[in-house]
Protein backbone atom coordinates (compact mmCIF):
# COMPACT_ATOMS: atom_id res chain seq x y z
CA MET A 1 7.17 0.45 22.30
CA VAL A 2 5.72 -1.80 19.64
CA LYS A 3 7.17 -0.67 16.37
CA LEU A 4 7.74 -1.99 12.88
CA GLY A 5 11.31 -2.17 11.67
CA LYS A 6 12.40 0.09 8.84
CA LEU A 7 12.42 -2.73 6.31
CA ALA A 8 8.80 -3.62 7.11
CA ASP A 9 7.82 0.03 6.90
CA TYR A 10 9.65 0.47 3.59
CA GLY A 11 8.19 -2.80 2.36
CA LEU A 12 4.69 -1.44 2.94
CA VAL A 13 5.62 1.74 1.05
CA LEU A 14 7.04 -0.27 -1.85
CA MET A 15 4.00 -2.54 -2.02
CA THR A 16 1.61 0.43 -2.06
CA CYS A 17 3.55 1.90 -4.99
CA MET A 18 3.14 -1.36 -6.83
CA ALA A 19 -0.56 -1.60 -5.89
CA LYS A 20 -1.29 1.83 -7.36
CA ASP A 21 -0.12 0.57 -10.74
CA GLN A 22 -1.74 -2.85 -10.49
CA GLY A 23 -4.56 -1.79 -12.79
CA THR A 24 -2.10 -1.55 -15.64
CA ALA A 25 -0.29 -4.75 -14.56
CA SER A 26 2.95 -3.15 -15.70
CA LEU A 27 6.22 -4.59 -14.55
CA ARG A 28 8.18 -2.37 -12.18
CA THR A 29 11.95 -2.35 -11.96
CA ALA A 30 13.96 -1.82 -8.81
CA ARG A 31 15.36 1.37 -10.32
CA ASP A 32 11.85 2.76 -11.08
CA LEU A 33 10.64 1.91 -7.59
CA ALA A 34 13.71 3.47 -5.97
CA ALA A 35 13.11 6.70 -7.88
CA GLU A 36 9.41 6.76 -7.00
CA THR A 37 9.85 5.97 -3.30
CA LYS A 38 13.08 7.95 -2.88
CA LEU A 39 14.63 4.90 -1.21
CA PRO A 40 18.20 3.86 -2.03
CA LEU A 41 18.41 1.30 -4.85
CA PRO A 42 20.24 -1.30 -2.69
CA THR A 43 17.46 -1.07 -0.09
CA VAL A 44 14.77 -1.46 -2.74
CA SER A 45 16.58 -4.47 -4.19
CA LYS A 46 16.75 -6.06 -0.73
CA LEU A 47 13.05 -5.37 -0.14
CA LEU A 48 12.06 -6.81 -3.51
CA LYS A 49 14.06 -9.96 -2.82
CA GLN A 50 12.28 -10.51 0.52
CA LEU A 51 8.87 -9.81 -0.98
CA LEU A 52 9.64 -12.21 -3.83
CA THR A 53 10.80 -14.92 -1.41
CA SER A 54 7.61 -14.43 0.63
CA GLY A 55 5.45 -14.99 -2.45
CA LEU A 56 4.04 -11.47 -2.49
CA LEU A 57 5.73 -10.54 -5.77
CA VAL A 58 6.48 -12.33 -9.01
CA SER A 59 9.56 -11.47 -11.05
CA HIS A 60 10.05 -11.57 -14.79
CA ARG A 61 13.60 -11.68 -16.15
CA GLY A 62 14.98 -10.06 -19.23
CA THR A 63 15.51 -6.61 -20.65
CA LYS A 64 11.84 -5.78 -20.21
CA GLY A 65 11.60 -7.63 -16.90
CA GLY A 66 10.61 -6.45 -13.49
CA TYR A 67 8.27 -7.19 -10.62
CA VAL A 68 4.52 -7.39 -10.29
CA LEU A 69 2.22 -8.23 -7.38
CA ALA A 70 1.56 -11.96 -7.03
CA ARG A 71 -2.11 -11.28 -6.25
CA ALA A 72 -4.57 -8.44 -6.52
CA PRO A 73 -4.10 -5.71 -3.87
CA ARG A 74 -7.44 -6.64 -2.25
CA GLU A 75 -6.12 -10.19 -1.72
CA ILE A 76 -2.92 -9.20 0.11
CA PRO A 77 -3.43 -8.58 3.82
CA VAL A 78 -1.08 -6.11 5.52
CA ILE A 79 -0.13 -8.78 8.05
CA GLU A 80 1.49 -10.83 5.27
CA ILE A 81 3.65 -7.90 4.20
CA ILE A 82 4.73 -7.25 7.79
CA ALA A 83 5.43 -10.95 8.35
CA ALA A 84 7.68 -11.00 5.27
CA PHE A 85 10.09 -8.75 7.17
CA GLU A 86 9.32 -9.22 10.86
CA GLY A 87 8.15 -12.83 11.02
CA PRO A 88 4.84 -13.74 12.67
CA VAL A 89 3.18 -10.80 14.43
CA ALA A 90 3.36 -11.21 18.19
CA LEU A 91 3.24 -8.39 20.74
CA THR A 92 4.89 -10.46 23.47
CA GLU A 93 6.81 -13.72 23.62
CA CYS A 94 3.88 -15.44 25.31
CA SER A 95 1.59 -14.33 22.46
CA THR A 96 3.20 -16.85 20.14
CA ASP A 97 2.44 -20.53 19.86
CA VAL A 98 5.95 -21.35 21.10
CA ILE A 99 6.02 -22.42 24.74
CA GLY A 100 8.93 -21.61 27.03
CA LEU A 101 10.17 -18.32 25.59
CA CYS A 102 9.39 -16.37 28.77
CA ASN A 103 10.70 -17.13 32.26
CA ILE A 104 7.41 -16.25 33.97
CA GLU A 105 5.10 -17.83 31.41
CA SER A 106 3.83 -20.59 33.73
CA PHE A 107 2.58 -18.14 36.35
CA CYS A 108 2.06 -14.92 34.37
CA PRO A 109 -1.16 -13.21 35.50
CA ILE A 110 -1.73 -11.48 32.14
CA LYS A 111 -0.70 -14.17 29.65
CA THR A 112 -4.27 -14.93 28.59
CA ASN A 113 -5.10 -11.26 28.12
CA GLN A 114 -1.87 -10.72 26.18
CA ARG A 115 -2.87 -13.50 23.81
CA ILE A 116 -6.34 -11.98 23.33
CA ILE A 117 -4.81 -8.58 22.58
CA ASN A 118 -2.38 -10.18 20.15
CA GLN A 119 -5.25 -11.99 18.40
CA ALA A 120 -7.12 -8.68 18.06
CA VAL A 121 -4.09 -6.95 16.54
CA ARG A 122 -3.47 -9.86 14.16
CA GLN A 123 -7.14 -9.83 13.15
CA VAL A 124 -7.06 -6.12 12.33
CA LEU A 125 -3.81 -6.44 10.36
CA GLY A 126 -5.27 -9.47 8.57
CA THR A 127 -8.42 -7.55 7.67
CA ILE A 128 -6.68 -4.50 6.20
CA SER A 129 -5.54 -5.19 2.66
CA LEU A 130 -2.90 -3.61 0.48
CA TYR A 131 -5.77 -2.04 -1.45
CA ASP A 132 -6.90 -0.34 1.77
CA LEU A 133 -3.45 1.23 2.17
CA ILE A 134 -3.78 3.09 -1.11
CA SER A 135 -7.17 4.48 -0.07
CA PRO A 136 -7.91 6.82 2.82
CA LEU A 137 -8.75 4.75 5.90
CA GLN A 138 -11.33 5.71 8.49
CA LEU A 139 -11.78 4.05 11.83
CA THR A 140 -15.52 3.64 12.22
CA ALA A 141 -15.76 1.25 15.15
CA ILE A 142 -14.02 -1.39 17.14
CA LYS A 143 -16.16 -4.27 18.35
CA ASP A 144 -15.64 -6.62 21.25
CA ALA A 145 -15.97 -10.41 21.09
CA ARG A 146 -19.77 -10.09 21.38
CA GLY A 147 -19.98 -7.65 18.48
CA ASN A 148 -20.70 -4.63 20.66
CA PRO A 149 -19.02 -1.32 19.77
CA VAL A 150 -16.06 -0.43 21.98
CA PRO A 151 -15.28 3.26 22.63
CA LEU A 152 -12.17 4.40 20.78
CA VAL A 153 -10.80 5.69 24.09
CA PRO A 154 -11.77 2.98 26.59
CA SER A 155 -13.05 4.35 29.87
CA GLY A 156 -13.29 1.04 31.68
CA SER A 157 -12.32 -2.56 31.18
CA ILE A 158 -12.96 -4.23 27.85
CA GLN A 159 -14.37 -7.73 28.10
């Protein structure tokens, strides 16, 4: 199963809370965000620290300090938020740019296809922005490399 870790999932929740308030550009404290998300304060503090380190948030110190998004929600792709917690998105070891992680890499019959699938997933996650997460999403179409629509439930092979 390909699954995000809890911190990545919670990080997305936290960032969407911050994106909803981005219009007011108000600073958000860890305590406020913990109350709003119903996440424990220590978890929120840990998430904020990772998001700050990743350059997705900016902090302001002082009695009226807090956190704010480093960029507009439309300019923050979901893949960057996930990468802040999970590292680079890769579905398999051979999907990365690092050679030698898999014992059968040199003769794997599906390595090329795995890389193509990984590129497609990365492209989708790079296209969806934080702004999109705070709006209802609709899947309208998936297109293949030639720009042709692909059925949502593939009946045959996808080229």
